């Protein structure tokens, strides 16, 4: 299942908002989750957690899937932009110290989004095989970040989870 043991939601000053020990598809806004700037993820290397801007793991707003690559706990700044600048809606992948991330920027296709929980290789395969001519592969930052975008879609500089509402643990 690749689930973390615990995910702590932290404010910008690193004070605890809430400790989750499992998925929370329902809205956590009543707990103050929309004020979370950081996730402190505790669990084995390879564990996965997805943070959603919307409740019920909906994909019409931004979400980010974090896969730990180290055994020790990691802190992920979900309130900062994972990518700078005005970008098209799409799916982006990159790496940081201790984790890999996949940012889904307003993806409305739930079938595609299911692949995100299985890692970037699964996303690339699914999107490459989709036959959707509207999808365009992009490599940003000298190949440090890659993605699939919808060139005809609007752009924004909101490349983060700025209103965390729900969490999903693991890949199943």
C-alpha atoms as a PDB file:
ATOM      1  CA  UNK A   1       0.000   0.000   0.000  1.00  0.00           C
ATOM      2  CA  UNK A   2       2.989   2.354   0.421  1.00  0.00           C
ATOM      3  CA  UNK A   3       1.300   4.369   3.154  1.00  0.00           C
ATOM      4  CA  UNK A   4       3.090   6.749   5.492  1.00  0.00           C
ATOM      5  CA  UNK A   5       2.708   6.176   9.212  1.00  0.00           C
ATOM      6  CA  UNK A   6       1.769   9.784   9.904  1.00  0.00           C
ATOM      7  CA  UNK A   7       1.460  13.116   8.146  1.00  0.00           C
ATOM      8  CA  UNK A   8       1.581  16.271  10.267  1.00  0.00           C
ATOM      9  CA  UNK A   9       0.045  19.449   8.885  1.00  0.00           C
ATOM     10  CA  UNK A  10       2.149  22.423   9.982  1.00  0.00           C
ATOM     11  CA  UNK A  11       1.716  26.193   9.813  1.00  0.00           C
ATOM     12  CA  UNK A  12       4.444  28.439   8.358  1.00  0.00           C
ATOM     13  CA  UNK A  13       5.967  28.775  11.853  1.00  0.00           C
ATOM     14  CA  UNK A  14       6.057  24.935  12.085  1.00  0.00           C
ATOM     15  CA  UNK A  15       3.343  24.689  14.743  1.00  0.00           C
ATOM     16  CA  UNK A  16       1.127  21.618  14.482  1.00  0.00           C
ATOM     17  CA  UNK A  17      -2.347  21.929  12.979  1.00  0.00           C
ATOM     18  CA  UNK A  18      -3.278  18.251  12.781  1.00  0.00           C
ATOM     19  CA  UNK A  19      -1.677  14.784  12.749  1.00  0.00           C
ATOM     20  CA  UNK A  20      -3.203  12.363  10.244  1.00  0.00           C
ATOM     21  CA  UNK A  21      -2.620   8.621  10.552  1.00  0.00           C
ATOM     22  CA  UNK A  22      -4.703   7.704   7.521  1.00  0.00           C
ATOM     23  CA  UNK A  23      -6.483   9.109   4.481  1.00  0.00           C
ATOM     24  CA  UNK A  24      -8.976  11.916   4.969  1.00  0.00           C
ATOM     25  CA  UNK A  25     -11.166  12.200   1.871  1.00  0.00           C
ATOM     26  CA  UNK A  26     -13.652  14.379   3.738  1.00  0.00           C
ATOM     27  CA  UNK A  27     -12.873  18.062   4.105  1.00  0.00           C
ATOM     28  CA  UNK A  28     -10.419  18.810   6.898  1.00  0.00           C
ATOM     29  CA  UNK A  29     -11.064  22.553   6.705  1.00  0.00           C
ATOM     30  CA  UNK A  30     -12.829  22.511  10.090  1.00  0.00           C
ATOM     31  CA  UNK A  31      -9.474  21.354  11.531  1.00  0.00           C
ATOM     32  CA  UNK A  32      -7.627  24.315  10.007  1.00  0.00           C
ATOM     33  CA  UNK A  33      -6.076  22.324   7.174  1.00  0.00           C
ATOM     34  CA  UNK A  34      -6.364  25.248   4.765  1.00  0.00           C
ATOM     35  CA  UNK A  35      -3.667  26.938   6.882  1.00  0.00           C
ATOM     36  CA  UNK A  36      -1.150  24.133   6.299  1.00  0.00           C
ATOM     37  CA  UNK A  37       2.083  25.316   4.709  1.00  0.00           C
ATOM     38  CA  UNK A  38       4.148  22.178   5.366  1.00  0.00           C
ATOM     39  CA  UNK A  39       3.615  18.441   5.521  1.00  0.00           C
ATOM     40  CA  UNK A  40       5.885  16.456   7.832  1.00  0.00           C
ATOM     41  CA  UNK A  41       5.758  12.911   6.432  1.00  0.00           C
ATOM     42  CA  UNK A  42       6.849   9.991   8.610  1.00  0.00           C
ATOM     43  CA  UNK A  43       7.083   6.532   7.076  1.00  0.00           C
ATOM     44  CA  UNK A  44       9.335   4.261   5.048  1.00  0.00           C
ATOM     45  CA  UNK A  45      11.071   5.218   1.828  1.00  0.00           C
ATOM     46  CA  UNK A  46       8.601   4.676  -0.990  1.00  0.00           C
ATOM     47  CA  UNK A  47       5.532   5.759   0.972  1.00  0.00           C
ATOM     48  CA  UNK A  48       3.113   8.053  -0.838  1.00  0.00           C
ATOM     49  CA  UNK A  49       0.720  10.812   0.235  1.00  0.00           C
ATOM     50  CA  UNK A  50      -1.394  13.086  -1.952  1.00  0.00           C
ATOM     51  CA  UNK A  51      -2.599  16.494  -0.739  1.00  0.00           C
ATOM     52  CA  UNK A  52      -5.659  17.971  -2.471  1.00  0.00           C
ATOM     53  CA  UNK A  53      -6.922  21.542  -2.682  1.00  0.00           C
ATOM     54  CA  UNK A  54     -10.426  20.072  -2.677  1.00  0.00           C
ATOM     55  CA  UNK A  55     -12.331  17.590  -0.514  1.00  0.00           C
ATOM     56  CA  UNK A  56     -13.094  14.010  -1.529  1.00  0.00           C
ATOM     57  CA  UNK A  57      -9.798  13.752  -3.449  1.00  0.00           C
ATOM     58  CA  UNK A  58     -11.322  15.744  -6.307  1.00  0.00           C
ATOM     59  CA  UNK A  59      -8.979  16.615  -9.132  1.00  0.00           C
ATOM     60  CA  UNK A  60     -10.538  19.784 -10.551  1.00  0.00           C
ATOM     61  CA  UNK A  61      -8.166  21.848  -8.421  1.00  0.00           C
ATOM     62  CA  UNK A  62      -4.455  21.442  -7.731  1.00  0.00           C
ATOM     63  CA  UNK A  63      -3.048  18.441  -5.905  1.00  0.00           C
ATOM     64  CA  UNK A  64       0.428  17.129  -5.224  1.00  0.00           C
ATOM     65  CA  UNK A  65       1.576  13.535  -4.770  1.00  0.00           C
ATOM     66  CA  UNK A  66       4.699  13.111  -2.644  1.00  0.00           C
ATOM     67  CA  UNK A  67       6.775   9.912  -2.712  1.00  0.00           C
ATOM     68  CA  UNK A  68       9.443   9.712  -0.007  1.00  0.00           C
ATOM     69  CA  UNK A  69      12.840   8.544  -1.248  1.00  0.00           C
ATOM     70  CA  UNK A  70      14.507   8.390   2.189  1.00  0.00           C
ATOM     71  CA  UNK A  71      13.731   6.537   5.427  1.00  0.00           C
ATOM     72  CA  UNK A  72      13.828   9.540   7.765  1.00  0.00           C
ATOM     73  CA  UNK A  73      10.890  11.967   8.084  1.00  0.00           C
ATOM     74  CA  UNK A  74      10.736  14.710   5.452  1.00  0.00           C
ATOM     75  CA  UNK A  75       9.194  18.147   5.437  1.00  0.00           C
ATOM     76  CA  UNK A  76       7.488  19.327   2.244  1.00  0.00           C
ATOM     77  CA  UNK A  77       6.526  22.955   1.672  1.00  0.00           C
ATOM     78  CA  UNK A  78       3.198  22.515  -0.114  1.00  0.00           C
ATOM     79  CA  UNK A  79       2.338  26.239   0.056  1.00  0.00           C
ATOM     80  CA  UNK A  80       5.271  27.283  -2.134  1.00  0.00           C
ATOM     81  CA  UNK A  81       5.135  26.867  -5.873  1.00  0.00           C
ATOM     82  CA  UNK A  82       6.682  23.613  -7.050  1.00  0.00           C
ATOM     83  CA  UNK A  83       7.341  25.380 -10.370  1.00  0.00           C
ATOM     84  CA  UNK A  84       7.788  29.110 -11.031  1.00  0.00           C
ATOM     85  CA  UNK A  85       5.826  31.246 -13.448  1.00  0.00           C
ATOM     86  CA  UNK A  86       2.681  31.106 -15.515  1.00  0.00           C
ATOM     87  CA  UNK A  87       2.096  27.507 -16.534  1.00  0.00           C
ATOM     88  CA  UNK A  88      -0.593  25.588 -18.381  1.00  0.00           C
ATOM     89  CA  UNK A  89      -2.836  23.106 -16.615  1.00  0.00           C
ATOM     90  CA  UNK A  90      -1.314  19.645 -16.715  1.00  0.00           C
ATOM     91  CA  UNK A  91       0.735  17.097 -14.795  1.00  0.00           C
ATOM     92  CA  UNK A  92       4.301  17.962 -13.742  1.00  0.00           C
ATOM     93  CA  UNK A  93       7.012  15.834 -12.099  1.00  0.00           C
ATOM     94  CA  UNK A  94      10.192  16.767 -10.266  1.00  0.00           C
ATOM     95  CA  UNK A  95      12.537  15.860  -7.424  1.00  0.00           C
ATOM     96  CA  UNK A  96      13.641  17.525  -4.201  1.00  0.00           C
ATOM     97  CA  UNK A  97      15.828  16.467  -1.282  1.00  0.00           C
ATOM     98  CA  UNK A  98      14.219  13.321   0.153  1.00  0.00           C
ATOM     99  CA  UNK A  99      11.205  13.064  -2.151  1.00  0.00           C
ATOM    100  CA  UNK A 100       9.728  13.136  -5.638  1.00  0.00           C
ATOM    101  CA  UNK A 101       6.612  15.125  -6.430  1.00  0.00           C
ATOM    102  CA  UNK A 102       3.876  15.071  -9.055  1.00  0.00           C
ATOM    103  CA  UNK A 103       1.803  18.251  -9.313  1.00  0.00           C
ATOM    104  CA  UNK A 104      -1.601  17.854 -10.942  1.00  0.00           C
ATOM    105  CA  UNK A 105      -2.627  21.334 -11.973  1.00  0.00           C
ATOM    106  CA  UNK A 106      -6.411  21.335 -12.380  1.00  0.00           C
ATOM    107  CA  UNK A 107      -6.704  17.932 -14.013  1.00  0.00           C
ATOM    108  CA  UNK A 108     -10.365  17.045 -14.550  1.00  0.00           C
ATOM    109  CA  UNK A 109      -9.716  13.569 -15.943  1.00  0.00           C
ATOM    110  CA  UNK A 110     -10.042  11.220 -12.964  1.00  0.00           C
ATOM    111  CA  UNK A 111      -9.006   8.179 -15.020  1.00  0.00           C
ATOM    112  CA  UNK A 112      -5.659   9.787 -15.759  1.00  0.00           C
ATOM    113  CA  UNK A 113      -5.277  10.953 -12.206  1.00  0.00           C
ATOM    114  CA  UNK A 114      -5.529   7.380 -10.890  1.00  0.00           C
ATOM    115  CA  UNK A 115      -2.159   6.692 -12.537  1.00  0.00           C
ATOM    116  CA  UNK A 116      -0.499   9.523 -10.600  1.00  0.00           C
ATOM    117  CA  UNK A 117      -0.630   7.506  -7.395  1.00  0.00           C
ATOM    118  CA  UNK A 118       1.497   4.824  -9.093  1.00  0.00           C
ATOM    119  CA  UNK A 119       4.365   7.179  -9.952  1.00  0.00           C
ATOM    120  CA  UNK A 120       5.627   9.230 -12.833  1.00  0.00           C
ATOM    121  CA  UNK A 121       6.413   6.283 -15.111  1.00  0.00           C
ATOM    122  CA  UNK A 122       2.761   5.215 -14.918  1.00  0.00           C
ATOM    123  CA  UNK A 123       1.623   8.772 -15.644  1.00  0.00           C
ATOM    124  CA  UNK A 124       3.923   9.069 -18.664  1.00  0.00           C
ATOM    125  CA  UNK A 125       2.751   5.737 -20.033  1.00  0.00           C
ATOM    126  CA  UNK A 126      -0.935   6.519 -19.572  1.00  0.00           C
ATOM    127  CA  UNK A 127      -0.701  10.017 -21.022  1.00  0.00           C
ATOM    128  CA  UNK A 128       1.565   8.933 -23.890  1.00  0.00           C
ATOM    129  CA  UNK A 129      -0.826   6.110 -24.779  1.00  0.00           C
ATOM    130  CA  UNK A 130      -3.950   8.244 -24.480  1.00  0.00           C
ATOM    131  CA  UNK A 131      -3.715   9.370 -28.097  1.00  0.00           C
ATOM    132  CA  UNK A 132      -4.877  12.823 -27.000  1.00  0.00           C
ATOM    133  CA  UNK A 133      -3.348  15.220 -29.510  1.00  0.00           C
ATOM    134  CA  UNK A 134      -4.169  18.098 -27.150  1.00  0.00           C
ATOM    135  CA  UNK A 135      -1.507  16.881 -24.697  1.00  0.00           C
ATOM    136  CA  UNK A 136       2.006  18.215 -25.091  1.00  0.00           C
ATOM    137  CA  UNK A 137       5.120  16.819 -23.377  1.00  0.00           C
ATOM    138  CA  UNK A 138       7.372  19.480 -21.825  1.00  0.00           C
ATOM    139  CA  UNK A 139      10.773  19.454 -20.115  1.00  0.00           C
ATOM    140  CA  UNK A 140      11.566  22.439 -17.889  1.00  0.00           C
ATOM    141  CA  UNK A 141      14.698  23.587 -16.107  1.00  0.00           C
ATOM    142  CA  UNK A 142      17.281  21.651 -18.132  1.00  0.00           C
ATOM    143  CA  UNK A 143      15.299  18.447 -17.774  1.00  0.00           C
ATOM    144  CA  UNK A 144      14.892  18.685 -13.988  1.00  0.00           C
ATOM    145  CA  UNK A 145      11.109  18.862 -14.357  1.00  0.00           C
ATOM    146  CA  UNK A 146       8.961  17.250 -17.007  1.00  0.00           C
ATOM    147  CA  UNK A 147       5.266  17.151 -17.640  1.00  0.00           C
ATOM    148  CA  UNK A 148       2.274  16.847 -19.887  1.00  0.00           C
ATOM    149  CA  UNK A 149       0.276  20.018 -20.447  1.00  0.00           C
ATOM    150  CA  UNK A 150      -2.896  21.093 -22.170  1.00  0.00           C
ATOM    151  CA  UNK A 151      -1.548  23.905 -24.400  1.00  0.00           C
ATOM    152  CA  UNK A 152      -5.020  25.254 -25.138  1.00  0.00           C
ATOM    153  CA  UNK A 153      -5.848  25.587 -21.437  1.00  0.00           C
ATOM    154  CA  UNK A 154      -5.451  28.728 -19.387  1.00  0.00           C
ATOM    155  CA  UNK A 155      -2.293  29.472 -17.440  1.00  0.00           C
ATOM    156  CA  UNK A 156      -1.725  30.589 -13.859  1.00  0.00           C
ATOM    157  CA  UNK A 157       1.077  31.032 -11.378  1.00  0.00           C
ATOM    158  CA  UNK A 158      -0.734  28.828  -8.821  1.00  0.00           C
ATOM    159  CA  UNK A 159       1.602  25.826  -8.913  1.00  0.00           C
ATOM    160  CA  UNK A 160       1.002  24.514  -5.402  1.00  0.00           C
ATOM    161  CA  UNK A 161      -1.612  23.248  -2.959  1.00  0.00           C
ATOM    162  CA  UNK A 162      -2.659  26.490  -1.341  1.00  0.00           C
ATOM    163  CA  UNK A 163      -5.816  25.316   0.439  1.00  0.00           C
ATOM    164  CA  UNK A 164      -5.249  21.750   1.598  1.00  0.00           C
ATOM    165  CA  UNK A 165      -8.623  20.102   2.147  1.00  0.00           C
ATOM    166  CA  UNK A 166      -8.096  16.325   1.917  1.00  0.00           C
ATOM    167  CA  UNK A 167      -5.322  13.708   2.041  1.00  0.00           C
ATOM    168  CA  UNK A 168      -4.895  10.307   0.467  1.00  0.00           C
ATOM    169  CA  UNK A 169      -2.354   7.842   1.858  1.00  0.00           C
ATOM    170  CA  UNK A 170      -0.725   5.189  -0.320  1.00  0.00           C
ATOM    171  CA  UNK A 171      -1.170   4.119  -3.902  1.00  0.00           C
ATOM    172  CA  UNK A 172      -4.258   1.943  -3.704  1.00  0.00           C
END
